[in-house]
PDB file of all heavy atoms in Angstrom:
ATOM      1  N   ALA A   1      27.133  94.589  34.879  1.00  0.00           N
ATOM      2  CA  ALA A   1      26.483  95.116  33.649  1.00  0.00           C
ATOM      3  C   ALA A   1      27.349  96.217  32.912  1.00  0.00           C
ATOM      4  O   ALA A   1      28.043  96.934  33.588  1.00  0.00           O
ATOM      5  CB  ALA A   1      25.176  95.668  33.888  1.00  0.00           C
ATOM      6  N   PHE A   2      27.436  96.031  31.634  1.00  0.00           N
ATOM      7  CA  PHE A   2      28.139  97.104  30.865  1.00  0.00           C
ATOM      8  C   PHE A   2      27.183  97.923  30.080  1.00  0.00           C
ATOM      9  O   PHE A   2      27.541  98.749  29.191  1.00  0.00           O
ATOM     10  CB  PHE A   2      29.102  96.457  29.899  1.00  0.00           C
ATOM     11  CG  PHE A   2      30.217  95.710  30.670  1.00  0.00           C
ATOM     12  CD1 PHE A   2      30.159  94.381  30.747  1.00  0.00           C
ATOM     13  CD2 PHE A   2      31.171  96.448  31.194  1.00  0.00           C
ATOM     14  CE1 PHE A   2      31.179  93.653  31.433  1.00  0.00           C
ATOM     15  CE2 PHE A   2      32.253  95.773  31.841  1.00  0.00           C
ATOM     16  CZ  PHE A   2      32.271  94.406  32.017  1.00  0.00           C
ATOM     17  N   ASN A   3      25.854  97.821  30.197  1.00  0.00           N
ATOM     18  CA  ASN A   3      24.718  98.539  29.669  1.00  0.00           C
ATOM     19  C   ASN A   3      24.748  98.397  28.207  1.00  0.00           C
ATOM     20  O   ASN A   3      24.268  99.171  27.430  1.00  0.00           O
ATOM     21  CB  ASN A   3      24.887 100.052  29.992  1.00  0.00           C
ATOM     22  CG  ASN A   3      24.698 100.256  31.536  1.00  0.00           C
ATOM     23  OD1 ASN A   3      23.878  99.651  32.052  1.00  0.00           O
ATOM     24  ND2 ASN A   3      25.391 101.122  32.090  1.00  0.00           N
ATOM     25  N   ALA A   4      25.243  97.293  27.569  1.00  0.00           N
ATOM     26  CA  ALA A   4      25.055  96.912  26.122  1.00  0.00           C
ATOM     27  C   ALA A   4      23.786  96.013  26.068  1.00  0.00           C
ATOM     28  O   ALA A   4      23.648  95.164  26.774  1.00  0.00           O
ATOM     29  CB  ALA A   4      26.364  96.133  25.628  1.00  0.00           C
ATOM     30  N   THR A   5      23.069  96.308  24.978  1.00  0.00           N
ATOM     31  CA  THR A   5      21.825  95.752  24.877  1.00  0.00           C
ATOM     32  C   THR A   5      22.091  94.618  23.692  1.00  0.00           C
ATOM     33  O   THR A   5      23.069  94.596  23.021  1.00  0.00           O
ATOM     34  CB  THR A   5      20.643  96.582  24.376  1.00  0.00           C
ATOM     35  OG1 THR A   5      21.056  97.163  23.094  1.00  0.00           O
ATOM     36  CG2 THR A   5      20.467  97.594  25.378  1.00  0.00           C
ATOM     37  N   ALA A   6      21.138  93.677  23.570  1.00  0.00           N
ATOM     38  CA  ALA A   6      21.075  92.756  22.458  1.00  0.00           C
ATOM     39  C   ALA A   6      21.314  93.403  21.173  1.00  0.00           C
ATOM     40  O   ALA A   6      21.911  92.958  20.213  1.00  0.00           O
ATOM     41  CB  ALA A   6      20.007  91.743  22.626  1.00  0.00           C
ATOM     42  N   LEU A   7      20.552  94.518  21.034  1.00  0.00           N
ATOM     43  CA  LEU A   7      20.573  95.231  19.796  1.00  0.00           C
ATOM     44  C   LEU A   7      21.976  95.780  19.493  1.00  0.00           C
ATOM     45  O   LEU A   7      22.501  95.817  18.445  1.00  0.00           O
ATOM     46  CB  LEU A   7      19.574  96.374  19.725  1.00  0.00           C
ATOM     47  CG  LEU A   7      19.536  97.266  18.430  1.00  0.00           C
ATOM     48  CD1 LEU A   7      19.087  96.308  17.221  1.00  0.00           C
ATOM     49  CD2 LEU A   7      18.460  98.264  18.601  1.00  0.00           C
ATOM     50  N   ASP A   8      22.687  96.263  20.504  1.00  0.00           N
ATOM     51  CA  ASP A   8      24.048  96.757  20.449  1.00  0.00           C
ATOM     52  C   ASP A   8      24.962  95.578  19.857  1.00  0.00           C
ATOM     53  O   ASP A   8      25.753  95.858  18.929  1.00  0.00           O
ATOM     54  CB  ASP A   8      24.656  97.282  21.770  1.00  0.00           C
ATOM     55  CG  ASP A   8      23.970  98.454  22.216  1.00  0.00           C
ATOM     56  OD1 ASP A   8      23.575  99.274  21.394  1.00  0.00           O
ATOM     57  OD2 ASP A   8      23.921  98.588  23.535  1.00  0.00           O
ATOM     58  N   LEU A   9      24.660  94.421  20.436  1.00  0.00           N
ATOM     59  CA  LEU A   9      25.602  93.227  19.975  1.00  0.00           C
ATOM     60  C   LEU A   9      25.210  92.935  18.523  1.00  0.00           C
ATOM     61  O   LEU A   9      26.126  92.682  17.719  1.00  0.00           O
ATOM     62  CB  LEU A   9      25.333  92.022  20.841  1.00  0.00           C
ATOM     63  CG  LEU A   9      25.986  90.784  20.447  1.00  0.00           C
ATOM     64  CD1 LEU A   9      27.526  90.923  20.379  1.00  0.00           C
ATOM     65  CD2 LEU A   9      25.497  89.648  21.450  1.00  0.00           C
ATOM     66  N   ALA A  10      23.963  93.001  18.232  1.00  0.00           N
ATOM     67  CA  ALA A  10      23.622  92.685  16.813  1.00  0.00           C
ATOM     68  C   ALA A  10      24.210  93.544  15.860  1.00  0.00           C
ATOM     69  O   ALA A  10      24.806  93.064  14.872  1.00  0.00           O
ATOM     70  CB  ALA A  10      22.031  92.803  16.676  1.00  0.00           C
ATOM     71  N   TYR A  11      24.329  94.864  16.054  1.00  0.00           N
ATOM     72  CA  TYR A  11      25.042  95.751  15.239  1.00  0.00           C
ATOM     73  C   TYR A  11      26.461  95.561  15.299  1.00  0.00           C
ATOM     74  O   TYR A  11      27.104  95.866  14.292  1.00  0.00           O
ATOM     75  CB  TYR A  11      24.567  97.231  15.467  1.00  0.00           C
ATOM     76  CG  TYR A  11      23.402  97.663  14.856  1.00  0.00           C
ATOM     77  CD1 TYR A  11      22.216  97.837  15.628  1.00  0.00           C
ATOM     78  CD2 TYR A  11      23.313  97.899  13.446  1.00  0.00           C
ATOM     79  CE1 TYR A  11      21.019  98.328  14.948  1.00  0.00           C
ATOM     80  CE2 TYR A  11      22.154  98.256  12.851  1.00  0.00           C
ATOM     81  CZ  TYR A  11      21.027  98.510  13.439  1.00  0.00           C
ATOM     82  OH  TYR A  11      19.868  98.899  12.876  1.00  0.00           O
ATOM     83  N   GLN A  12      26.958  95.141  16.372  1.00  0.00           N
ATOM     84  CA  GLN A  12      28.457  94.896  16.473  1.00  0.00           C
ATOM     85  C   GLN A  12      28.926  93.776  15.613  1.00  0.00           C
ATOM     86  O   GLN A  12      29.913  93.810  14.897  1.00  0.00           O
ATOM     87  CB  GLN A  12      28.894  94.629  17.929  1.00  0.00           C
ATOM     88  CG  GLN A  12      30.438  94.418  18.135  1.00  0.00           C
ATOM     89  CD  GLN A  12      31.108  95.691  18.034  1.00  0.00           C
ATOM     90  OE1 GLN A  12      30.680  96.784  18.243  1.00  0.00           O
ATOM     91  NE2 GLN A  12      32.387  95.567  17.710  1.00  0.00           N
ATOM     92  N   ILE A  13      27.942  92.750  15.394  1.00  0.00           N
ATOM     93  CA  ILE A  13      28.236  91.658  14.561  1.00  0.00           C
ATOM     94  C   ILE A  13      28.174  91.985  13.205  1.00  0.00           C
ATOM     95  O   ILE A  13      29.184  91.750  12.394  1.00  0.00           O
ATOM     96  CB  ILE A  13      27.207  90.447  14.899  1.00  0.00           C
ATOM     97  CG1 ILE A  13      27.377  89.891  16.331  1.00  0.00           C
ATOM     98  CG2 ILE A  13      27.376  89.410  13.935  1.00  0.00           C
ATOM     99  CD1 ILE A  13      26.204  89.083  16.789  1.00  0.00           C
ATOM    100  N   HIS A  14      27.058  92.739  12.766  1.00  0.00           N
ATOM    101  CA  HIS A  14      27.028  93.111  11.413  1.00  0.00           C
ATOM    102  C   HIS A  14      25.792  94.130  11.299  1.00  0.00           C
ATOM    103  O   HIS A  14      24.733  93.761  11.907  1.00  0.00           O
ATOM    104  CB  HIS A  14      26.733  91.960  10.389  1.00  0.00           C
ATOM    105  CG  HIS A  14      27.018  92.247   8.966  1.00  0.00           C
ATOM    106  ND1 HIS A  14      26.037  92.844   8.129  1.00  0.00           N
ATOM    107  CD2 HIS A  14      28.126  92.064   8.126  1.00  0.00           C
ATOM    108  CE1 HIS A  14      26.449  93.042   6.905  1.00  0.00           C
ATOM    109  NE2 HIS A  14      27.657  92.559   6.851  1.00  0.00           N
ATOM    110  N   THR A  15      25.838  95.119  10.391  1.00  0.00           N
ATOM    111  CA  THR A  15      24.792  96.031  10.296  1.00  0.00           C
ATOM    112  C   THR A  15      23.555  95.373   9.740  1.00  0.00           C
ATOM    113  O   THR A  15      22.406  95.787  10.385  1.00  0.00           O
ATOM    114  CB  THR A  15      25.171  97.195   9.148  1.00  0.00           C
ATOM    115  OG1 THR A  15      26.442  97.703   9.720  1.00  0.00           O
ATOM    116  CG2 THR A  15      24.224  98.214   9.156  1.00  0.00           C
ATOM    117  N   ASN A  16      23.619  94.393   8.952  1.00  0.00           N
ATOM    118  CA  ASN A  16      22.506  93.761   8.339  1.00  0.00           C
ATOM    119  C   ASN A  16      21.690  93.007   9.443  1.00  0.00           C
ATOM    120  O   ASN A  16      20.473  92.909   9.534  1.00  0.00           O
ATOM    121  CB  ASN A  16      22.849  92.785   7.218  1.00  0.00           C
ATOM    122  CG  ASN A  16      21.591  92.437   6.411  1.00  0.00           C
ATOM    123  OD1 ASN A  16      20.707  93.162   6.146  1.00  0.00           O
ATOM    124  ND2 ASN A  16      21.631  91.171   6.059  1.00  0.00           N
ATOM    125  N   ILE A  17      22.505  92.461  10.470  1.00  0.00           N
ATOM    126  CA  ILE A  17      21.783  91.766  11.572  1.00  0.00           C
ATOM    127  C   ILE A  17      21.130  92.684  12.498  1.00  0.00           C
ATOM    128  O   ILE A  17      19.961  92.407  12.867  1.00  0.00           O
ATOM    129  CB  ILE A  17      22.812  90.846  12.274  1.00  0.00           C
ATOM    130  CG1 ILE A  17      23.361  89.724  11.387  1.00  0.00           C
ATOM    131  CG2 ILE A  17      22.274  90.311  13.628  1.00  0.00           C
ATOM    132  CD1 ILE A  17      24.519  88.980  11.928  1.00  0.00           C
ATOM    133  N   GLY A  18      21.727  93.813  12.720  1.00  0.00           N
ATOM    134  CA  GLY A  18      21.174  94.774  13.580  1.00  0.00           C
ATOM    135  C   GLY A  18      19.951  95.396  12.929  1.00  0.00           C
ATOM    136  O   GLY A  18      18.852  95.667  13.641  1.00  0.00           O
ATOM    137  N   ASP A  19      19.932  95.580  11.672  1.00  0.00           N
ATOM    138  CA  ASP A  19      18.829  96.145  10.888  1.00  0.00           C
ATOM    139  C   ASP A  19      17.591  95.173  10.864  1.00  0.00           C
ATOM    140  O   ASP A  19      16.317  95.705  10.908  1.00  0.00           O
ATOM    141  CB  ASP A  19      19.120  96.405   9.437  1.00  0.00           C
ATOM    142  CG  ASP A  19      19.932  97.581   9.251  1.00  0.00           C
ATOM    143  OD1 ASP A  19      20.137  98.383  10.296  1.00  0.00           O
ATOM    144  OD2 ASP A  19      20.503  97.814   8.170  1.00  0.00           O
ATOM    145  N   HIS A  20      17.757  94.009  11.136  1.00  0.00           N
ATOM    146  CA  HIS A  20      16.564  92.962  11.111  1.00  0.00           C
ATOM    147  C   HIS A  20      16.431  92.229  12.428  1.00  0.00           C
ATOM    148  O   HIS A  20      15.553  91.330  12.454  1.00  0.00           O
ATOM    149  CB  HIS A  20      16.903  91.927  10.043  1.00  0.00           C
ATOM    150  CG  HIS A  20      16.901  92.525   8.691  1.00  0.00           C
ATOM    151  ND1 HIS A  20      15.756  93.008   7.944  1.00  0.00           N
ATOM    152  CD2 HIS A  20      17.943  92.907   7.872  1.00  0.00           C
ATOM    153  CE1 HIS A  20      16.211  93.498   6.720  1.00  0.00           C
ATOM    154  NE2 HIS A  20      17.480  93.371   6.760  1.00  0.00           N
ATOM    155  N   ALA A  21      17.004  92.777  13.489  1.00  0.00           N
ATOM    156  CA  ALA A  21      16.916  92.121  14.858  1.00  0.00           C
ATOM    157  C   ALA A  21      15.664  92.241  15.458  1.00  0.00           C
ATOM    158  O   ALA A  21      15.092  93.423  15.417  1.00  0.00           O
ATOM    159  CB  ALA A  21      18.010  92.599  15.759  1.00  0.00           C
ATOM    160  N   VAL A  22      14.999  91.211  16.027  1.00  0.00           N
ATOM    161  CA  VAL A  22      13.631  91.317  16.573  1.00  0.00           C
ATOM    162  C   VAL A  22      13.633  90.902  18.082  1.00  0.00           C
ATOM    163  O   VAL A  22      12.812  91.114  18.749  1.00  0.00           O
ATOM    164  CB  VAL A  22      12.603  90.569  15.944  1.00  0.00           C
ATOM    165  CG1 VAL A  22      12.396  91.024  14.521  1.00  0.00           C
ATOM    166  CG2 VAL A  22      12.960  89.130  15.829  1.00  0.00           C
ATOM    167  N   GLY A  23      14.849  90.301  18.547  1.00  0.00           N
ATOM    168  CA  GLY A  23      14.955  89.767  19.951  1.00  0.00           C
ATOM    169  C   GLY A  23      16.166  88.978  20.020  1.00  0.00           C
ATOM    170  O   GLY A  23      17.031  88.999  19.108  1.00  0.00           O
ATOM    171  N   ALA A  24      16.321  88.310  21.101  1.00  0.00           N
ATOM    172  CA  ALA A  24      17.465  87.433  21.387  1.00  0.00           C
ATOM    173  C   ALA A  24      17.097  86.204  22.219  1.00  0.00           C
ATOM    174  O   ALA A  24      16.117  86.330  22.975  1.00  0.00           O
ATOM    175  CB  ALA A  24      18.575  88.289  22.043  1.00  0.00           C
ATOM    176  N   ARG A  25      17.788  85.218  22.107  1.00  0.00           N
ATOM    177  CA  ARG A  25      17.719  84.032  22.936  1.00  0.00           C
ATOM    178  C   ARG A  25      19.045  84.015  23.759  1.00  0.00           C
ATOM    179  O   ARG A  25      20.124  84.135  23.197  1.00  0.00           O
ATOM    180  CB  ARG A  25      17.545  82.898  22.118  1.00  0.00           C
ATOM    181  CG  ARG A  25      17.179  81.534  22.929  1.00  0.00           C
ATOM    182  CD  ARG A  25      16.913  80.365  22.004  1.00  0.00           C
ATOM    183  NE  ARG A  25      15.640  80.617  21.302  1.00  0.00           N
ATOM    184  CZ  ARG A  25      15.448  80.560  19.990  1.00  0.00           C
ATOM    185  NH1 ARG A  25      16.616  80.368  19.142  1.00  0.00           N
ATOM    186  NH2 ARG A  25      14.380  80.765  19.339  1.00  0.00           N
ATOM    187  N   ILE A  26      18.903  83.997  25.053  1.00  0.00           N
ATOM    188  CA  ILE A  26      20.158  83.941  25.946  1.00  0.00           C
ATOM    189  C   ILE A  26      20.123  82.741  26.734  1.00  0.00           C
ATOM    190  O   ILE A  26      19.138  82.172  27.094  1.00  0.00           O
ATOM    191  CB  ILE A  26      20.203  85.258  26.819  1.00  0.00           C
ATOM    192  CG1 ILE A  26      19.106  85.333  27.793  1.00  0.00           C
ATOM    193  CG2 ILE A  26      20.313  86.478  26.026  1.00  0.00           C
ATOM    194  CD1 ILE A  26      19.375  86.153  29.087  1.00  0.00           C
TER     195      ILE A  26
END
């Protein structure tokens, strides 16, 4: 584990994605 969350990844992709993220499918 690197302690990065799905929200961290969403913001890494694009700020707009992070701003509207509600969950993830893995």
